[in-house]
Amino acid sequence: MFVLTKSILALMIGFIISVIMGYFMIPLLKKLNVGQRISVFVGESHKKKNGIPTVGGLIFIIPTFITILIMYFTGKININSNLLIVLFVFVAYAILGFIDDVMKLRRKQNEGLTEIQKLFGQVIIAVVFFYIYMKSGSEPLLWIHAFDLKVDVGWLYGFFILFMLVASSNAVNITDGLDGLAGGLSFIVALVLGIITWSTDWLAGYQDIAIFCFILSGSVLGFLVYNTYPAKVFMGDTGSLALGGVLAAIAILTRREITFAVAMGVFIVETLSVIIQVFSIFVFKKKVFLMTPLHHNFEKLGWKEQDIVKLFWICGLILGTAAVVYGAWL
């Protein structure tokens, strides 16, 4: 019961502070004229979103840290090395995304860092994470919990971690195209990781990482108050890169990579739709989808934005439930 109480407390504090933060920050962002530039290729229905404040990821990033401090000074959470690794990834990817958002705003167009520059930054953060992670005494193992099978992949593990962090941060970034879509799915994944992390009692500081997951999910839920249709603010790369990176880092630390892949199913499908489209155009000179990522394909088919988001949320919830069953019961 104490575990449940602490988890709900963490979620609710994060939620309340995030809602308060959004109430004051959105008018400030409007005053600073940090409006999103919408691509002309997305469609007529998105033109009305032009000028809506971006960099809204700060609405859940800052409250997450404030909540951690509150719980630390009230003795509800401890700061340990594993939690610090998680916080490092969270902040590092947020800074990278913030730089990208600021460059877009200064240029008054939807182009910030180049793809190469952004990828380079993501790789550098992943390499630093891998170095700290291995120096802490971790082994290069892939752990299939359902069969209690540990596979030593040696030096390939470094590439695996690199792929996890870069792919996850990009997946959330790609999915962030409709009001509330990426935020709602990230809330589900953070909640799933929080539930599963409570069962990783072999990991030093596992309780504190679990609490972080609930704090993050609460903060993202608070952000969704302003980000669901019609959105008053967008998370921007500041939020999407931070979310994707930190969720992957938690999955790696808890050795729940397969569970994470299940929970991230919608993000993965969204990313695969882009890869398939690019490959098909490059090789066969034909489109597979009307437009990618996949949520835009549904828009081109005439679906309403709210209905697409609801469908994807439901799929994410089903996959999240499956991940909990696999990660906590099997």
C-alpha atoms as a PDB file:
ATOM      1  CA  MET A   1       0.000   0.000   0.000  1.00  0.00           C
ATOM      2  CA  PHE A   2       2.914   2.348   0.792  1.00  0.00           C
ATOM      3  CA  VAL A   3       4.303   1.798  -2.717  1.00  0.00           C
ATOM      4  CA  LEU A   4       0.942   2.628  -4.305  1.00  0.00           C
ATOM      5  CA  THR A   5       0.498   5.717  -2.119  1.00  0.00           C
ATOM      6  CA  LYS A   6       3.959   7.033  -2.928  1.00  0.00           C
ATOM      7  CA  SER A   7       3.443   6.441  -6.650  1.00  0.00           C
ATOM      8  CA  ILE A   8       0.084   8.251  -6.725  1.00  0.00           C
ATOM      9  CA  LEU A   9       1.538  11.089  -4.643  1.00  0.00           C
ATOM     10  CA  ALA A  10       4.420  11.471  -7.106  1.00  0.00           C
ATOM     11  CA  LEU A  11       2.054  11.474 -10.078  1.00  0.00           C
ATOM     12  CA  MET A  12      -0.341  13.992  -8.546  1.00  0.00           C
ATOM     13  CA  ILE A  13       2.364  16.450  -7.455  1.00  0.00           C
ATOM     14  CA  GLY A  14       3.886  16.333 -10.932  1.00  0.00           C
ATOM     15  CA  PHE A  15       0.442  16.835 -12.470  1.00  0.00           C
ATOM     16  CA  ILE A  16      -0.532  19.797 -10.268  1.00  0.00           C
ATOM     17  CA  ILE A  17       2.781  21.631 -10.716  1.00  0.00           C
ATOM     18  CA  SER A  18       2.660  21.032 -14.471  1.00  0.00           C
ATOM     19  CA  VAL A  19      -0.874  22.450 -14.734  1.00  0.00           C
ATOM     20  CA  ILE A  20       0.187  25.522 -12.735  1.00  0.00           C
ATOM     21  CA  MET A  21       3.348  25.882 -14.819  1.00  0.00           C
ATOM     22  CA  GLY A  22       1.360  25.722 -18.061  1.00  0.00           C
ATOM     23  CA  TYR A  23      -1.133  28.332 -16.840  1.00  0.00           C
ATOM     24  CA  PHE A  24       1.650  30.893 -16.397  1.00  0.00           C
ATOM     25  CA  MET A  25       4.092  29.753 -19.082  1.00  0.00           C
ATOM     26  CA  ILE A  26       1.781  29.715 -22.126  1.00  0.00           C
ATOM     27  CA  PRO A  27       0.967  33.463 -21.911  1.00  0.00           C
ATOM     28  CA  LEU A  28       4.703  34.104 -21.428  1.00  0.00           C
ATOM     29  CA  LEU A  29       5.578  32.061 -24.529  1.00  0.00           C
ATOM     30  CA  LYS A  30       2.952  33.991 -26.501  1.00  0.00           C
ATOM     31  CA  LYS A  31       4.435  37.270 -25.300  1.00  0.00           C
ATOM     32  CA  LEU A  32       7.898  36.084 -26.371  1.00  0.00           C
ATOM     33  CA  ASN A  33       6.414  35.231 -29.792  1.00  0.00           C
ATOM     34  CA  VAL A  34       7.747  31.650 -29.841  1.00  0.00           C
ATOM     35  CA  GLY A  35       5.098  30.397 -32.247  1.00  0.00           C
ATOM     36  CA  GLN A  36       5.335  27.132 -34.188  1.00  0.00           C
ATOM     37  CA  ARG A  37       5.810  27.380 -37.964  1.00  0.00           C
ATOM     38  CA  ILE A  38       3.572  24.771 -39.599  1.00  0.00           C
ATOM     39  CA  SER A  39       4.793  23.075 -42.774  1.00  0.00           C
ATOM     40  CA  VAL A  40       2.708  23.839 -45.885  1.00  0.00           C
ATOM     41  CA  PHE A  41       2.835  20.151 -46.808  1.00  0.00           C
ATOM     42  CA  VAL A  42       0.829  18.995 -43.791  1.00  0.00           C
ATOM     43  CA  GLY A  43      -2.512  20.275 -45.045  1.00  0.00           C
ATOM     44  CA  GLU A  44      -5.102  23.037 -44.786  1.00  0.00           C
ATOM     45  CA  SER A  45      -6.479  21.779 -41.470  1.00  0.00           C
ATOM     46  CA  HIS A  46      -3.161  22.520 -39.772  1.00  0.00           C
ATOM     47  CA  LYS A  47      -2.863  26.132 -40.968  1.00  0.00           C
ATOM     48  CA  LYS A  48      -4.841  27.356 -37.951  1.00  0.00           C
ATOM     49  CA  LYS A  49      -2.069  25.950 -35.731  1.00  0.00           C
ATOM     50  CA  ASN A  50       0.467  28.372 -37.144  1.00  0.00           C
ATOM     51  CA  GLY A  51       1.782  30.582 -34.354  1.00  0.00           C
ATOM     52  CA  ILE A  52       0.764  28.334 -31.438  1.00  0.00           C
ATOM     53  CA  PRO A  53       3.594  28.479 -28.850  1.00  0.00           C
ATOM     54  CA  THR A  54       6.222  25.763 -28.989  1.00  0.00           C
ATOM     55  CA  VAL A  55       9.001  24.793 -26.499  1.00  0.00           C
ATOM     56  CA  GLY A  56       6.100  23.563 -24.360  1.00  0.00           C
ATOM     57  CA  GLY A  57       8.160  20.593 -23.234  1.00  0.00           C
ATOM     58  CA  LEU A  58       9.378  22.900 -20.469  1.00  0.00           C
ATOM     59  CA  ILE A  59       5.873  22.627 -19.001  1.00  0.00           C
ATOM     60  CA  PHE A  60       6.566  19.019 -17.989  1.00  0.00           C
ATOM     61  CA  ILE A  61      10.388  19.087 -17.785  1.00  0.00           C
ATOM     62  CA  ILE A  62      10.655  21.816 -15.135  1.00  0.00           C
ATOM     63  CA  PRO A  63       7.811  20.417 -12.949  1.00  0.00           C
ATOM     64  CA  THR A  64       9.466  16.990 -13.059  1.00  0.00           C
ATOM     65  CA  PHE A  65      12.594  18.447 -11.449  1.00  0.00           C
ATOM     66  CA  ILE A  66      10.613  20.563  -8.986  1.00  0.00           C
ATOM     67  CA  THR A  67       8.661  17.480  -7.897  1.00  0.00           C
ATOM     68  CA  ILE A  68      11.870  15.466  -7.489  1.00  0.00           C
ATOM     69  CA  LEU A  69      13.249  18.199  -5.206  1.00  0.00           C
ATOM     70  CA  ILE A  70      10.022  18.290  -3.169  1.00  0.00           C
ATOM     71  CA  MET A  71      10.054  14.520  -2.712  1.00  0.00           C
ATOM     72  CA  TYR A  72      13.786  14.522  -1.948  1.00  0.00           C
ATOM     73  CA  PHE A  73      13.534  17.150   0.798  1.00  0.00           C
ATOM     74  CA  THR A  74      10.496  15.383   2.288  1.00  0.00           C
ATOM     75  CA  GLY A  75      12.384  12.069   2.346  1.00  0.00           C
ATOM     76  CA  LYS A  76      10.192  10.334  -0.260  1.00  0.00           C
ATOM     77  CA  ILE A  77      12.985   9.793  -2.799  1.00  0.00           C
ATOM     78  CA  ASN A  78      16.756   9.366  -2.747  1.00  0.00           C
ATOM     79  CA  ILE A  79      19.212  10.700  -5.309  1.00  0.00           C
ATOM     80  CA  ASN A  80      21.454   7.830  -6.426  1.00  0.00           C
ATOM     81  CA  SER A  81      23.837   7.159  -9.324  1.00  0.00           C
ATOM     82  CA  ASN A  82      21.264   5.398 -11.495  1.00  0.00           C
ATOM     83  CA  LEU A  83      18.724   8.182 -11.066  1.00  0.00           C
ATOM     84  CA  LEU A  84      21.432  10.716 -11.929  1.00  0.00           C
ATOM     85  CA  ILE A  85      22.111   8.847 -15.193  1.00  0.00           C
ATOM     86  CA  VAL A  86      18.401   9.084 -16.023  1.00  0.00           C
ATOM     87  CA  LEU A  87      18.321  12.795 -15.204  1.00  0.00           C
ATOM     88  CA  PHE A  88      21.446  13.386 -17.305  1.00  0.00           C
ATOM     89  CA  VAL A  89      19.812  11.847 -20.391  1.00  0.00           C
ATOM     90  CA  PHE A  90      16.585  13.765 -19.718  1.00  0.00           C
ATOM     91  CA  VAL A  91      18.357  17.125 -19.480  1.00  0.00           C
ATOM     92  CA  ALA A  92      20.856  16.479 -22.298  1.00  0.00           C
ATOM     93  CA  TYR A  93      18.190  15.569 -24.857  1.00  0.00           C
ATOM     94  CA  ALA A  94      16.014  18.460 -23.676  1.00  0.00           C
ATOM     95  CA  ILE A  95      18.900  20.892 -24.251  1.00  0.00           C
ATOM     96  CA  LEU A  96      19.527  19.450 -27.721  1.00  0.00           C
ATOM     97  CA  GLY A  97      15.844  19.825 -28.572  1.00  0.00           C
ATOM     98  CA  PHE A  98      15.739  23.339 -27.094  1.00  0.00           C
ATOM     99  CA  ILE A  99      18.646  24.409 -29.324  1.00  0.00           C
ATOM    100  CA  ASP A 100      16.780  23.032 -32.335  1.00  0.00           C
ATOM    101  CA  ASP A 101      13.555  24.850 -31.348  1.00  0.00           C
ATOM    102  CA  VAL A 102      15.358  28.156 -30.759  1.00  0.00           C
ATOM    103  CA  MET A 103      17.082  27.947 -34.149  1.00  0.00           C
ATOM    104  CA  LYS A 104      13.699  27.364 -35.833  1.00  0.00           C
ATOM    105  CA  LEU A 105      12.257  30.390 -34.065  1.00  0.00           C
ATOM    106  CA  ARG A 106      15.174  32.645 -34.974  1.00  0.00           C
ATOM    107  CA  ARG A 107      15.029  31.610 -38.628  1.00  0.00           C
ATOM    108  CA  LYS A 108      11.220  31.953 -38.605  1.00  0.00           C
ATOM    109  CA  GLN A 109      10.868  28.633 -40.405  1.00  0.00           C
ATOM    110  CA  ASN A 110      10.432  24.945 -39.571  1.00  0.00           C
ATOM    111  CA  GLU A 111      14.141  24.171 -39.927  1.00  0.00           C
ATOM    112  CA  GLY A 112      16.543  24.233 -37.008  1.00  0.00           C
ATOM    113  CA  LEU A 113      19.481  21.888 -36.650  1.00  0.00           C
ATOM    114  CA  THR A 114      20.229  19.816 -39.732  1.00  0.00           C
ATOM    115  CA  GLU A 115      19.473  16.095 -39.551  1.00  0.00           C
ATOM    116  CA  ILE A 116      23.210  15.398 -39.326  1.00  0.00           C
ATOM    117  CA  GLN A 117      23.734  17.914 -36.517  1.00  0.00           C
ATOM    118  CA  LYS A 118      20.777  16.554 -34.550  1.00  0.00           C
ATOM    119  CA  LEU A 119      21.899  12.958 -35.062  1.00  0.00           C
ATOM    120  CA  PHE A 120      25.445  13.861 -33.999  1.00  0.00           C
ATOM    121  CA  GLY A 121      24.125  15.410 -30.784  1.00  0.00           C
ATOM    122  CA  GLN A 122      21.954  12.370 -30.059  1.00  0.00           C
ATOM    123  CA  VAL A 123      24.887  10.020 -30.641  1.00  0.00           C
ATOM    124  CA  ILE A 124      27.204  12.017 -28.361  1.00  0.00           C
ATOM    125  CA  ILE A 125      24.662  11.885 -25.511  1.00  0.00           C
ATOM    126  CA  ALA A 126      24.164   8.140 -26.100  1.00  0.00           C
ATOM    127  CA  VAL A 127      27.932   7.533 -26.018  1.00  0.00           C
ATOM    128  CA  VAL A 128      28.284   9.439 -22.729  1.00  0.00           C
ATOM    129  CA  PHE A 129      25.361   7.455 -21.296  1.00  0.00           C
ATOM    130  CA  PHE A 130      26.961   4.175 -22.420  1.00  0.00           C
ATOM    131  CA  TYR A 131      30.322   5.135 -20.871  1.00  0.00           C
ATOM    132  CA  ILE A 132      28.774   6.049 -17.501  1.00  0.00           C
ATOM    133  CA  TYR A 133      26.499   3.007 -17.608  1.00  0.00           C
ATOM    134  CA  MET A 134      29.329   0.540 -18.224  1.00  0.00           C
ATOM    135  CA  LYS A 135      31.630   2.257 -15.707  1.00  0.00           C
ATOM    136  CA  SER A 136      28.966   1.699 -13.054  1.00  0.00           C
ATOM    137  CA  GLY A 137      29.590  -2.049 -13.361  1.00  0.00           C
ATOM    138  CA  SER A 138      26.863  -3.038 -15.804  1.00  0.00           C
ATOM    139  CA  GLU A 139      27.375  -6.014 -18.108  1.00  0.00           C
ATOM    140  CA  PRO A 140      26.678  -6.134 -21.886  1.00  0.00           C
ATOM    141  CA  LEU A 141      23.668  -8.412 -21.481  1.00  0.00           C
ATOM    142  CA  LEU A 142      20.309  -8.698 -23.185  1.00  0.00           C
ATOM    143  CA  TRP A 143      17.906 -10.099 -20.616  1.00  0.00           C
ATOM    144  CA  ILE A 144      14.747 -11.920 -21.759  1.00  0.00           C
ATOM    145  CA  HIS A 145      12.865 -11.963 -18.454  1.00  0.00           C
ATOM    146  CA  ALA A 146      10.046 -14.283 -19.516  1.00  0.00           C
ATOM    147  CA  PHE A 147      12.582 -17.110 -19.921  1.00  0.00           C
ATOM    148  CA  ASP A 148      15.171 -15.746 -17.459  1.00  0.00           C
ATOM    149  CA  LEU A 149      17.600 -15.827 -20.391  1.00  0.00           C
ATOM    150  CA  LYS A 150      20.683 -13.594 -20.390  1.00  0.00           C
ATOM    151  CA  VAL A 151      22.590 -13.167 -23.647  1.00  0.00           C
ATOM    152  CA  ASP A 152      26.082 -11.652 -23.564  1.00  0.00           C
ATOM    153  CA  VAL A 153      26.348  -9.596 -26.772  1.00  0.00           C
ATOM    154  CA  GLY A 154      29.769  -8.133 -25.999  1.00  0.00           C
ATOM    155  CA  TRP A 155      30.814  -4.993 -27.855  1.00  0.00           C
ATOM    156  CA  LEU A 156      27.584  -5.042 -29.867  1.00  0.00           C
ATOM    157  CA  TYR A 157      25.813  -3.874 -26.723  1.00  0.00           C
ATOM    158  CA  GLY A 158      27.260  -0.391 -27.244  1.00  0.00           C
ATOM    159  CA  PHE A 159      25.611  -0.160 -30.662  1.00  0.00           C
ATOM    160  CA  PHE A 160      22.391  -1.527 -29.190  1.00  0.00           C
ATOM    161  CA  ILE A 161      22.261   1.235 -26.546  1.00  0.00           C
ATOM    162  CA  LEU A 162      23.120   3.814 -29.190  1.00  0.00           C
ATOM    163  CA  PHE A 163      20.272   2.566 -31.368  1.00  0.00           C
ATOM    164  CA  MET A 164      17.797   2.493 -28.459  1.00  0.00           C
ATOM    165  CA  LEU A 165      18.401   6.092 -27.399  1.00  0.00           C
ATOM    166  CA  VAL A 166      18.585   7.606 -30.884  1.00  0.00           C
ATOM    167  CA  ALA A 167      15.647   5.594 -32.246  1.00  0.00           C
ATOM    168  CA  SER A 168      13.409   6.305 -29.237  1.00  0.00           C
ATOM    169  CA  SER A 169      14.058  10.053 -29.194  1.00  0.00           C
ATOM    170  CA  ASN A 170      13.456  10.271 -32.949  1.00  0.00           C
ATOM    171  CA  ALA A 171      10.320   8.094 -32.712  1.00  0.00           C
ATOM    172  CA  VAL A 172       8.641  10.439 -30.215  1.00  0.00           C
ATOM    173  CA  ASN A 173       9.752  13.411 -32.317  1.00  0.00           C
ATOM    174  CA  ILE A 174       8.232  11.880 -35.481  1.00  0.00           C
ATOM    175  CA  THR A 175       4.964  11.013 -33.707  1.00  0.00           C
ATOM    176  CA  ASP A 176       4.545  14.539 -32.356  1.00  0.00           C
ATOM    177  CA  GLY A 177       2.336  15.747 -35.215  1.00  0.00           C
ATOM    178  CA  LEU A 178      -1.214  15.859 -33.852  1.00  0.00           C
ATOM    179  CA  ASP A 179      -2.603  17.546 -30.735  1.00  0.00           C
ATOM    180  CA  GLY A 180      -1.952  15.339 -27.720  1.00  0.00           C
ATOM    181  CA  LEU A 181      -0.719  12.340 -29.728  1.00  0.00           C
ATOM    182  CA  ALA A 182       2.910  12.025 -28.605  1.00  0.00           C
ATOM    183  CA  GLY A 183       2.123  13.351 -25.119  1.00  0.00           C
ATOM    184  CA  GLY A 184      -0.667  10.859 -24.484  1.00  0.00           C
ATOM    185  CA  LEU A 185       1.356   7.902 -25.726  1.00  0.00           C
ATOM    186  CA  SER A 186       4.390   9.017 -23.687  1.00  0.00           C
ATOM    187  CA  PHE A 187       2.201   9.239 -20.581  1.00  0.00           C
ATOM    188  CA  ILE A 188       1.172   5.599 -21.102  1.00  0.00           C
ATOM    189  CA  VAL A 189       4.756   4.404 -21.643  1.00  0.00           C
ATOM    190  CA  ALA A 190       6.058   6.307 -18.600  1.00  0.00           C
ATOM    191  CA  LEU A 191       3.288   4.797 -16.466  1.00  0.00           C
ATOM    192  CA  VAL A 192       4.086   1.295 -17.775  1.00  0.00           C
ATOM    193  CA  LEU A 193       7.788   1.717 -17.013  1.00  0.00           C
ATOM    194  CA  GLY A 194       6.945   2.988 -13.526  1.00  0.00           C
ATOM    195  CA  ILE A 195       4.817  -0.086 -12.762  1.00  0.00           C
ATOM    196  CA  ILE A 196       7.416  -2.481 -14.136  1.00  0.00           C
ATOM    197  CA  THR A 197      10.384  -0.773 -12.466  1.00  0.00           C
ATOM    198  CA  TRP A 198       8.860  -1.508  -9.037  1.00  0.00           C
ATOM    199  CA  SER A 199       9.597  -5.195  -9.712  1.00  0.00           C
ATOM    200  CA  THR A 200      13.292  -4.675 -10.596  1.00  0.00           C
ATOM    201  CA  ASP A 201      14.473  -4.973  -6.999  1.00  0.00           C
ATOM    202  CA  TRP A 202      17.910  -6.164  -8.152  1.00  0.00           C
ATOM    203  CA  LEU A 203      18.675  -2.662  -9.494  1.00  0.00           C
ATOM    204  CA  ALA A 204      20.216  -0.166  -7.086  1.00  0.00           C
ATOM    205  CA  GLY A 205      17.800   2.720  -6.576  1.00  0.00           C
ATOM    206  CA  TYR A 206      14.976   1.011  -8.484  1.00  0.00           C
ATOM    207  CA  GLN A 207      12.329   2.567  -6.222  1.00  0.00           C
ATOM    208  CA  ASP A 208      13.599   6.068  -6.976  1.00  0.00           C
ATOM    209  CA  ILE A 209      13.602   5.433 -10.737  1.00  0.00           C
ATOM    210  CA  ALA A 210      10.052   4.092 -10.453  1.00  0.00           C
ATOM    211  CA  ILE A 211       9.019   7.242  -8.598  1.00  0.00           C
ATOM    212  CA  PHE A 212      10.672   9.315 -11.339  1.00  0.00           C
ATOM    213  CA  CYS A 213       8.503   7.502 -13.914  1.00  0.00           C
ATOM    214  CA  PHE A 214       5.337   8.394 -12.003  1.00  0.00           C
ATOM    215  CA  ILE A 215       6.491  11.993 -11.565  1.00  0.00           C
ATOM    216  CA  LEU A 216       7.165  12.214 -15.297  1.00  0.00           C
ATOM    217  CA  SER A 217       3.815  10.649 -16.206  1.00  0.00           C
ATOM    218  CA  GLY A 218       2.016  13.110 -13.917  1.00  0.00           C
ATOM    219  CA  SER A 219       3.879  16.077 -15.402  1.00  0.00           C
ATOM    220  CA  VAL A 220       3.092  14.931 -18.957  1.00  0.00           C
ATOM    221  CA  LEU A 221      -0.569  14.485 -17.962  1.00  0.00           C
ATOM    222  CA  GLY A 222      -0.570  18.080 -16.746  1.00  0.00           C
ATOM    223  CA  PHE A 223       0.935  19.182 -20.056  1.00  0.00           C
ATOM    224  CA  LEU A 224      -1.866  17.361 -21.890  1.00  0.00           C
ATOM    225  CA  VAL A 225      -4.379  19.724 -20.259  1.00  0.00           C
ATOM    226  CA  TYR A 226      -3.022  22.332 -22.682  1.00  0.00           C
ATOM    227  CA  ASN A 227      -1.841  20.081 -25.520  1.00  0.00           C
ATOM    228  CA  THR A 228      -4.966  18.058 -26.353  1.00  0.00           C
ATOM    229  CA  TYR A 229      -7.219  19.262 -29.177  1.00  0.00           C
ATOM    230  CA  PRO A 230      -7.350  22.169 -29.736  1.00  0.00           C
ATOM    231  CA  ALA A 231      -3.756  22.556 -28.541  1.00  0.00           C
ATOM    232  CA  LYS A 232      -2.733  25.768 -26.794  1.00  0.00           C
ATOM    233  CA  VAL A 233       0.948  24.773 -26.833  1.00  0.00           C
ATOM    234  CA  PHE A 234       3.263  22.252 -28.520  1.00  0.00           C
ATOM    235  CA  MET A 235       6.035  20.326 -26.774  1.00  0.00           C
ATOM    236  CA  GLY A 236       8.525  20.982 -29.584  1.00  0.00           C
ATOM    237  CA  ASP A 237      11.783  19.099 -29.960  1.00  0.00           C
ATOM    238  CA  THR A 238      12.584  20.213 -26.401  1.00  0.00           C
ATOM    239  CA  GLY A 239       9.926  17.863 -25.101  1.00  0.00           C
ATOM    240  CA  SER A 240       9.884  15.092 -27.694  1.00  0.00           C
ATOM    241  CA  LEU A 241      13.632  14.394 -27.670  1.00  0.00           C
ATOM    242  CA  ALA A 242      13.731  14.536 -23.861  1.00  0.00           C
ATOM    243  CA  LEU A 243      10.818  12.096 -23.528  1.00  0.00           C
ATOM    244  CA  GLY A 244      12.125   9.597 -26.071  1.00  0.00           C
ATOM    245  CA  GLY A 245      15.631   9.654 -24.641  1.00  0.00           C
ATOM    246  CA  VAL A 246      14.723   9.315 -20.973  1.00  0.00           C
ATOM    247  CA  LEU A 247      12.175   6.531 -21.547  1.00  0.00           C
ATOM    248  CA  ALA A 248      14.785   4.514 -23.454  1.00  0.00           C
ATOM    249  CA  ALA A 249      17.385   5.153 -20.729  1.00  0.00           C
ATOM    250  CA  ILE A 250      15.020   3.769 -18.067  1.00  0.00           C
ATOM    251  CA  ALA A 251      14.294   0.694 -20.202  1.00  0.00           C
ATOM    252  CA  ILE A 252      18.033   0.044 -20.574  1.00  0.00           C
ATOM    253  CA  LEU A 253      18.796   0.518 -16.880  1.00  0.00           C
ATOM    254  CA  THR A 254      15.985  -1.837 -15.859  1.00  0.00           C
ATOM    255  CA  ARG A 255      16.893  -4.361 -18.602  1.00  0.00           C
ATOM    256  CA  ARG A 256      13.359  -4.114 -19.993  1.00  0.00           C
ATOM    257  CA  GLU A 257      14.203  -3.430 -23.630  1.00  0.00           C
ATOM    258  CA  ILE A 258      11.730  -5.962 -25.050  1.00  0.00           C
ATOM    259  CA  THR A 259       8.958  -4.738 -22.756  1.00  0.00           C
ATOM    260  CA  PHE A 260       9.795  -1.195 -23.823  1.00  0.00           C
ATOM    261  CA  ALA A 261       9.509  -2.145 -27.501  1.00  0.00           C
ATOM    262  CA  VAL A 262       6.004  -3.518 -26.855  1.00  0.00           C
ATOM    263  CA  ALA A 263       4.902  -0.383 -24.975  1.00  0.00           C
ATOM    264  CA  MET A 264       6.400   1.828 -27.698  1.00  0.00           C
ATOM    265  CA  GLY A 265       4.550  -0.079 -30.427  1.00  0.00           C
ATOM    266  CA  VAL A 266       2.654   2.927 -31.815  1.00  0.00           C
ATOM    267  CA  PHE A 267       5.834   5.021 -31.915  1.00  0.00           C
ATOM    268  CA  ILE A 268       7.602   2.190 -33.734  1.00  0.00           C
ATOM    269  CA  VAL A 269       4.830   1.839 -36.330  1.00  0.00           C
ATOM    270  CA  GLU A 270       4.858   5.608 -36.911  1.00  0.00           C
ATOM    271  CA  THR A 271       8.624   5.528 -37.488  1.00  0.00           C
ATOM    272  CA  LEU A 272       8.461   2.453 -39.727  1.00  0.00           C
ATOM    273  CA  SER A 273       5.851   4.177 -41.906  1.00  0.00           C
ATOM    274  CA  VAL A 274       8.377   6.938 -42.620  1.00  0.00           C
ATOM    275  CA  ILE A 275      11.186   4.460 -43.349  1.00  0.00           C
ATOM    276  CA  ILE A 276       8.956   2.384 -45.656  1.00  0.00           C
ATOM    277  CA  GLN A 277       7.786   5.498 -47.494  1.00  0.00           C
ATOM    278  CA  VAL A 278      11.303   6.834 -48.054  1.00  0.00           C
ATOM    279  CA  PHE A 279      12.587   3.419 -49.154  1.00  0.00           C
ATOM    280  CA  SER A 280       9.693   2.883 -51.559  1.00  0.00           C
ATOM    281  CA  ILE A 281      10.076   6.323 -53.162  1.00  0.00           C
ATOM    282  CA  PHE A 282      13.849   5.922 -53.454  1.00  0.00           C
ATOM    283  CA  VAL A 283      13.790   2.374 -54.891  1.00  0.00           C
ATOM    284  CA  PHE A 284      10.420   2.028 -56.643  1.00  0.00           C
ATOM    285  CA  LYS A 285       9.569   5.718 -57.206  1.00  0.00           C
ATOM    286  CA  LYS A 286       6.152   5.032 -55.639  1.00  0.00           C
ATOM    287  CA  LYS A 287       4.409   6.014 -52.412  1.00  0.00           C
ATOM    288  CA  VAL A 288       3.067   3.354 -50.054  1.00  0.00           C
ATOM    289  CA  PHE A 289       1.160   5.881 -47.929  1.00  0.00           C
ATOM    290  CA  LEU A 290      -0.610   9.087 -48.907  1.00  0.00           C
ATOM    291  CA  MET A 291       1.605  10.876 -46.388  1.00  0.00           C
ATOM    292  CA  THR A 292       3.841   9.944 -43.485  1.00  0.00           C
ATOM    293  CA  PRO A 293       4.106   9.616 -40.534  1.00  0.00           C
ATOM    294  CA  LEU A 294       1.110   7.289 -40.424  1.00  0.00           C
ATOM    295  CA  HIS A 295      -1.169   9.727 -38.569  1.00  0.00           C
ATOM    296  CA  HIS A 296      -1.008  12.072 -41.576  1.00  0.00           C
ATOM    297  CA  ASN A 297      -2.047   9.192 -43.852  1.00  0.00           C
ATOM    298  CA  PHE A 298      -5.267   8.878 -41.809  1.00  0.00           C
ATOM    299  CA  GLU A 299      -5.788  12.631 -42.162  1.00  0.00           C
ATOM    300  CA  LYS A 300      -5.470  12.360 -45.947  1.00  0.00           C
ATOM    301  CA  LEU A 301      -8.105   9.608 -45.820  1.00  0.00           C
ATOM    302  CA  GLY A 302     -10.504  12.100 -44.248  1.00  0.00           C
ATOM    303  CA  TRP A 303     -10.279  11.148 -40.576  1.00  0.00           C
ATOM    304  CA  LYS A 304     -10.723  13.862 -37.957  1.00  0.00           C
ATOM    305  CA  GLU A 305      -7.642  14.687 -35.901  1.00  0.00           C
ATOM    306  CA  GLN A 306      -9.374  13.856 -32.601  1.00  0.00           C
ATOM    307  CA  ASP A 307     -10.456  10.436 -33.884  1.00  0.00           C
ATOM    308  CA  ILE A 308      -6.933   9.563 -35.036  1.00  0.00           C
ATOM    309  CA  VAL A 309      -5.483  10.524 -31.656  1.00  0.00           C
ATOM    310  CA  LYS A 310      -8.141   8.488 -29.806  1.00  0.00           C
ATOM    311  CA  LEU A 311      -7.421   5.430 -31.983  1.00  0.00           C
ATOM    312  CA  PHE A 312      -3.677   5.691 -31.441  1.00  0.00           C
ATOM    313  CA  TRP A 313      -4.149   6.226 -27.689  1.00  0.00           C
ATOM    314  CA  ILE A 314      -6.313   3.099 -27.489  1.00  0.00           C
ATOM    315  CA  CYS A 315      -3.674   1.106 -29.392  1.00  0.00           C
ATOM    316  CA  GLY A 316      -1.012   2.501 -27.063  1.00  0.00           C
ATOM    317  CA  LEU A 317      -3.060   1.543 -23.997  1.00  0.00           C
ATOM    318  CA  ILE A 318      -3.559  -2.013 -25.286  1.00  0.00           C
ATOM    319  CA  LEU A 319       0.156  -2.363 -26.001  1.00  0.00           C
ATOM    320  CA  GLY A 320       0.998  -0.806 -22.637  1.00  0.00           C
ATOM    321  CA  THR A 321      -1.227  -3.340 -20.877  1.00  0.00           C
ATOM    322  CA  ALA A 322       0.465  -6.146 -22.810  1.00  0.00           C
ATOM    323  CA  ALA A 323       3.854  -4.750 -21.758  1.00  0.00           C
ATOM    324  CA  VAL A 324       2.825  -4.779 -18.086  1.00  0.00           C
ATOM    325  CA  VAL A 325       1.599  -8.385 -18.407  1.00  0.00           C
ATOM    326  CA  TYR A 326       4.871  -9.392 -20.051  1.00  0.00           C
ATOM    327  CA  GLY A 327       7.135  -7.285 -17.841  1.00  0.00           C
ATOM    328  CA  ALA A 328       5.521  -7.757 -14.431  1.00  0.00           C
ATOM    329  CA  TRP A 329       3.703 -11.115 -14.566  1.00  0.00           C
ATOM    330  CA  LEU A 330       5.572 -13.379 -16.971  1.00  0.00           C
END
